[in-house]
Each structure stands twice: as C-alpha cells, then as structure tokens.
Protein backbone atom coordinates (compact mmCIF):
# COMPACT_ATOMS: atom_id res chain seq x y z
CA MET A 1 129.57 61.77 148.96
CA ASN A 2 130.36 59.04 151.84
CA GLY A 3 131.54 56.31 149.04
CA THR A 4 130.72 53.92 146.60
CA VAL A 5 128.90 50.39 147.34
CA LEU A 6 128.93 47.59 145.08
CA ILE A 7 125.52 45.61 145.83
CA VAL A 8 125.65 41.89 144.58
CA GLU A 9 122.27 41.05 144.99
CA ASP A 10 119.86 39.07 142.76
CA GLU A 11 116.75 39.78 144.51
CA GLU A 12 115.77 43.13 142.49
CA LYS A 13 113.72 44.38 144.98
CA LEU A 14 115.84 44.10 147.69
CA ALA A 15 118.82 45.42 145.78
CA ARG A 16 116.90 48.30 145.03
CA LEU A 17 115.67 49.00 148.69
CA LEU A 18 119.11 48.79 149.80
CA ALA A 19 120.53 51.13 147.19
CA ASP A 20 117.57 53.32 148.02
CA TYR A 21 118.55 53.62 152.01
CA LEU A 22 122.36 53.97 151.36
CA GLU A 23 121.84 56.61 148.74
CA GLN A 24 119.60 58.67 151.09
CA SER A 25 122.71 58.25 153.67
CA GLY A 26 125.03 59.83 151.24
CA TYR A 27 126.44 56.77 149.12
CA ARG A 28 126.88 56.19 145.63
CA THR A 29 125.74 52.79 144.86
CA PHE A 30 125.62 50.23 141.63
CA CYS A 31 124.20 47.01 141.54
CA MET A 32 124.37 43.31 140.02
CA GLY A 33 122.15 40.46 139.94
CA SER A 34 124.91 38.08 139.31
CA GLY A 35 128.32 36.72 140.61
CA ARG A 36 129.64 36.00 137.21
CA ASN A 37 131.77 39.66 136.45
CA ALA A 38 131.34 41.07 140.13
CA ALA A 39 135.13 40.48 140.75
CA ALA A 40 135.84 41.96 137.56
CA LEU A 41 133.80 45.04 138.30
CA VAL A 42 135.33 45.58 141.60
CA GLN A 43 138.72 45.42 139.86
CA THR A 44 138.11 48.09 137.34
CA SER A 45 135.65 50.24 139.66
CA THR A 46 137.06 49.79 143.10
CA PRO A 47 134.57 50.24 145.09
CA ASP A 48 134.83 51.46 148.88
CA ILE A 49 132.55 48.40 150.24
CA VAL A 50 131.13 45.31 148.65
CA LEU A 51 127.42 44.04 149.82
CA LEU A 52 127.58 40.59 148.64
CA ASP A 53 124.84 37.96 148.57
CA LEU A 54 125.65 34.25 149.28
CA MET A 55 123.28 32.65 146.92
CA LEU A 56 123.80 33.94 143.60
CA PRO A 57 123.28 32.67 139.75
CA GLU A 58 126.11 31.76 137.87
CA LYS A 59 128.86 32.00 140.52
CA ASP A 60 128.02 32.11 144.41
CA GLY A 61 128.83 34.80 146.69
CA LEU A 62 131.60 32.28 148.33
CA ASP A 63 133.54 32.02 144.84
CA VAL A 64 133.13 35.87 144.39
CA CYS A 65 134.46 36.32 147.76
CA LYS A 66 137.54 34.51 147.21
CA GLU A 67 138.05 35.79 143.71
CA ILE A 68 137.80 39.55 144.78
CA ARG A 69 140.38 38.34 148.04
CA SER A 70 142.87 37.23 145.44
CA PHE A 71 143.53 41.03 144.30
CA SER A 72 141.89 43.21 146.58
CA ALA A 73 141.38 43.97 150.54
CA VAL A 74 138.16 45.98 149.98
CA PRO A 75 135.90 45.47 152.84
CA ILE A 76 133.05 42.60 152.04
CA ILE A 77 129.62 42.21 153.88
CA MET A 78 127.83 39.14 153.06
CA ILE A 79 124.13 38.82 153.10
CA THR A 80 122.60 35.32 153.77
CA ALA A 81 119.54 33.56 154.47
CA ARG A 82 121.70 30.30 155.49
CA ILE A 83 122.82 31.00 159.08
CA GLU A 84 124.55 27.66 159.74
CA GLU A 85 128.02 27.98 161.22
CA ILE A 86 129.56 26.55 158.64
CA ASP A 87 128.52 29.04 156.35
CA ARG A 88 129.75 31.85 158.72
CA LEU A 89 133.14 30.17 159.16
CA LEU A 90 133.72 29.78 155.64
CA GLY A 91 132.82 33.08 154.55
CA LEU A 92 135.30 34.14 157.29
CA GLU A 93 137.95 31.73 155.95
CA LEU A 94 137.59 33.29 152.44
CA GLY A 95 138.02 37.07 153.94
CA ALA A 96 134.55 38.53 154.35
CA ASP A 97 134.60 41.25 156.79
CA ASP A 98 130.99 41.17 158.47
CA TYR A 99 127.72 39.18 157.84
CA ILE A 100 124.09 40.47 158.01
CA CYS A 101 121.27 37.66 158.04
CA LYS A 102 118.08 37.76 156.42
CA PRO A 103 115.47 39.19 156.94
CA PHE A 104 117.04 42.09 158.01
CA SER A 105 116.22 46.14 158.46
CA PRO A 106 117.97 48.18 155.73
CA ARG A 107 118.96 50.37 158.42
CA GLU A 108 120.70 47.75 159.80
CA VAL A 109 122.67 47.37 156.83
CA VAL A 110 123.17 51.13 156.26
CA ALA A 111 124.64 50.98 160.07
CA ARG A 112 126.86 48.02 159.30
CA VAL A 113 128.18 49.76 155.99
CA LYS A 114 129.26 52.80 158.32
CA ALA A 115 130.73 50.56 160.68
CA VAL A 116 132.70 48.45 158.46
CA LEU A 117 134.20 51.36 156.84
CA ARG A 118 134.69 53.35 160.06
CA ARG A 119 136.98 50.31 161.06
CA SER A 120 138.61 49.86 158.13
CA SER A 121 139.86 53.61 157.83
CA GLU A 122 140.70 53.95 161.54
CA LYS A 123 144.34 54.66 161.99
CA PRO A 124 144.81 56.04 165.69
CA THR A 125 147.65 58.58 165.78
CA SER A 126 149.02 56.67 169.10
CA ALA A 127 149.00 53.24 167.04
CA THR A 128 151.00 54.91 164.41
CA LYS A 129 153.50 56.12 167.26
CA LEU A 130 153.25 52.66 169.00
CA LEU A 131 154.58 50.65 166.14
CA GLN A 132 156.55 51.55 163.08
CA ILE A 133 157.25 49.43 160.40
CA ASN A 134 159.52 49.71 157.10
CA GLU A 135 159.26 46.84 154.98
CA LEU A 136 161.67 47.76 152.33
CA CYS A 137 164.44 48.08 155.51
CA HIS A 138 162.84 44.83 157.30
CA SER A 139 162.64 46.65 160.25
CA ALA A 140 159.94 47.18 163.12
CA CYS A 141 160.27 49.61 166.21
CA LEU A 142 157.83 49.16 169.18
CA GLN A 143 157.71 52.16 171.39
CA GLY A 144 160.83 52.90 169.98
CA CYS A 145 162.56 49.68 170.39
CA GLN A 146 163.71 47.70 167.83
CA LEU A 147 162.04 44.20 167.39
CA GLU A 148 164.43 41.47 166.54
CA LEU A 149 162.16 39.32 164.09
CA THR A 150 162.99 36.30 161.87
CA ALA A 151 161.80 36.79 158.32
CA VAL A 152 158.68 35.10 158.92
CA GLU A 153 157.85 36.63 162.24
CA PHE A 154 158.39 39.97 159.97
CA LYS A 155 155.87 38.65 157.32
CA LEU A 156 153.36 37.63 159.91
CA LEU A 157 153.57 40.90 161.86
CA CYS A 158 153.28 43.20 158.39
CA LEU A 159 150.44 41.15 157.13
CA LEU A 160 148.30 41.33 160.47
CA HIS A 161 149.51 44.79 160.65
CA SER A 162 148.13 45.65 157.52
CA THR A 163 144.63 45.34 158.11
CA PRO A 164 143.79 46.21 161.79
CA GLY A 165 140.66 44.23 163.13
CA ARG A 166 140.55 41.66 160.37
CA ILE A 167 140.63 38.04 161.36
CA TYR A 168 142.98 35.69 159.31
CA THR A 169 142.71 32.11 159.44
CA ARG A 170 145.49 29.87 159.93
CA SER A 171 145.34 28.82 156.48
CA GLN A 172 145.16 32.38 155.35
CA LEU A 173 148.59 33.03 157.14
CA MET A 174 150.24 29.81 155.48
CA ASP A 175 149.12 30.91 152.29
CA ARG A 176 150.27 34.10 152.68
CA ILE A 177 153.67 33.90 154.76
CA TYR A 178 154.83 30.46 152.40
CA PRO A 179 153.91 31.36 148.98
CA ASP A 180 156.05 28.36 147.75
CA ILE A 181 153.58 26.04 149.26
CA ARG A 182 155.72 24.00 151.14
CA VAL A 183 153.87 21.68 153.78
CA VAL A 184 153.36 23.60 157.17
CA SER A 185 150.99 22.49 159.63
CA GLU A 186 148.65 24.99 161.78
CA ARG A 187 150.78 24.30 164.64
CA THR A 188 153.81 25.87 162.94
CA ILE A 189 151.47 28.99 162.50
CA ASP A 190 150.88 28.97 165.99
CA SER A 191 154.61 28.56 167.07
CA HIS A 192 155.55 31.69 165.29
CA VAL A 193 152.73 33.69 166.40
CA LYS A 194 153.57 32.85 169.85
CA LYS A 195 157.05 33.64 169.49
CA LEU A 196 156.16 37.25 167.61
CA ARG A 197 153.76 38.06 170.98
CA LYS A 198 156.55 37.06 173.50
CA LYS A 199 158.86 39.55 171.71
CA ILE A 200 155.99 42.00 171.64
CA ALA A 201 155.28 41.42 175.34
CA ALA A 202 158.65 41.89 176.62
CA ILE A 203 158.77 45.66 174.98
CA THR A 204 154.76 46.49 175.68
CA PRO A 205 153.67 44.18 178.23
CA ASP A 206 150.56 46.28 178.91
CA LYS A 207 149.42 46.22 175.03
CA GLU A 208 148.43 42.91 173.74
CA LEU A 209 148.64 43.36 170.06
CA ILE A 210 147.93 40.13 168.14
CA HIS A 211 144.85 38.25 169.37
CA ALA A 212 143.93 35.12 168.95
CA VAL A 213 140.33 34.40 167.80
CA TYR A 214 139.26 31.02 169.17
CA GLY A 215 138.66 28.28 166.63
CA ILE A 216 139.38 30.61 163.79
CA GLY A 217 142.81 32.56 163.67
CA TYR A 218 144.36 35.82 164.68
CA LYS A 219 143.87 39.72 164.29
CA PHE A 220 146.00 42.77 164.92
CA GLU A 221 144.28 45.23 167.15
CA TYR A 222 145.25 48.10 169.18
CA ASN A 223 144.06 47.93 172.77
CA ARG A 224 141.64 50.66 173.27
CA ASP A 225 142.25 52.79 176.38
C-alpha cells in the first residue's frame, strides 16, 4: 500500500474515476462530496495526502484548506476549474502544496500525488549532516559550526526547515513567528530572513538554503548537486 488519499470532490463520477486510478496504483482512497466535515475527517483519519476541489458545497476548498492547515501539515493538492492567478495565490497563501486544473488526465493526478508525497518524505542524508537543529536547546549547527541566531531567526529557520520545499508567504511567517498578533510589517520578515541568510552564507557560501519565491515568500530547500 502506497498510502491513503482523501478525495474531496462533489462530482461523484470524477471522484470515483480518480479513486479507481489511484487504487490501481496501490493507494487506498476514501471520498467526500462536501467540504463541511473534510477537516474533521483529516483530523481523525490522518490521510497521507488530500485531493481538494476548490468549489465545494457547504464549505469551499479554500476554507477547508485553511482549516486543515490550522492543525496539520498533510500535503494538499487543490483541484480547480478556476485558473485565475488570484485563486492560485490565495490557495498558496493558505498552504496548498500543488494545483491541478480541470480538465485533466487522471494519470496526471496520480503522477502529481506521487511527486508531492515523494517531496514531503524526502530527507536526504547529506542534508541531515549539513544542518542539525535542536529546538529544545535552541541550537542550530551548520556543517559543524554553531549558528548564532536571535530568537526570531531561530524560529524562522525551524519553521522553514520543518517542511523543505514548502513555500511560506510573509503573512504566514508573521502569524507563526509572532503568535501574539503584534503589528509587524512584511519588511520586518524580509529583514529577519536577510540576516538569517547572511549568517548561513558566512558558513556555507556555496549552498543557498533559504530561497526567495518572487512575489510570494520563502522556502527552505537544499541545493541539488
């Protein structure tokens, strides 16, 4: 068994088609036709990945995605027939890992599921040796050298490092780093990230670990050799 996929799709025939293709590829599936109880099911059943339609009855996909992200980092692929850029950015803002636009080939969906699950489970041994973080001791060692970080810089590094490849918007970083909802501008986050990147570059100038994603935010990703 390759994993469990929750399909939240109100078009019954499409949901069944996706389930058939995924099951043929070795996945276990279960389907929901409404967004109302989708987040609750994720919490109780802990699927490995969620296929989430944008337009759902009772609660739309963006609201479901936001609710899931309040308690889980489970990979989410959003399915949508609305291809406007604003929808893509809003979905990313709420923490979606990938998108697929209707109409699509079921084989493409299976390939996307495999790719997202592979990315989420990859933990390269070289990466583990490169950066070691101990949250209890508030320490981060890069290639055996201690990173001298402020409390905010350490929180940023821990958050980005926890899910390599995932893009965090500036507002998401602000919400996570400053839970007391103090007034902080996006420029403040940029400033902290800039200082953190400078400290990393001082030790590993040939390896960029924190990447800026133009117009969106930041992600942590090890350089591929």
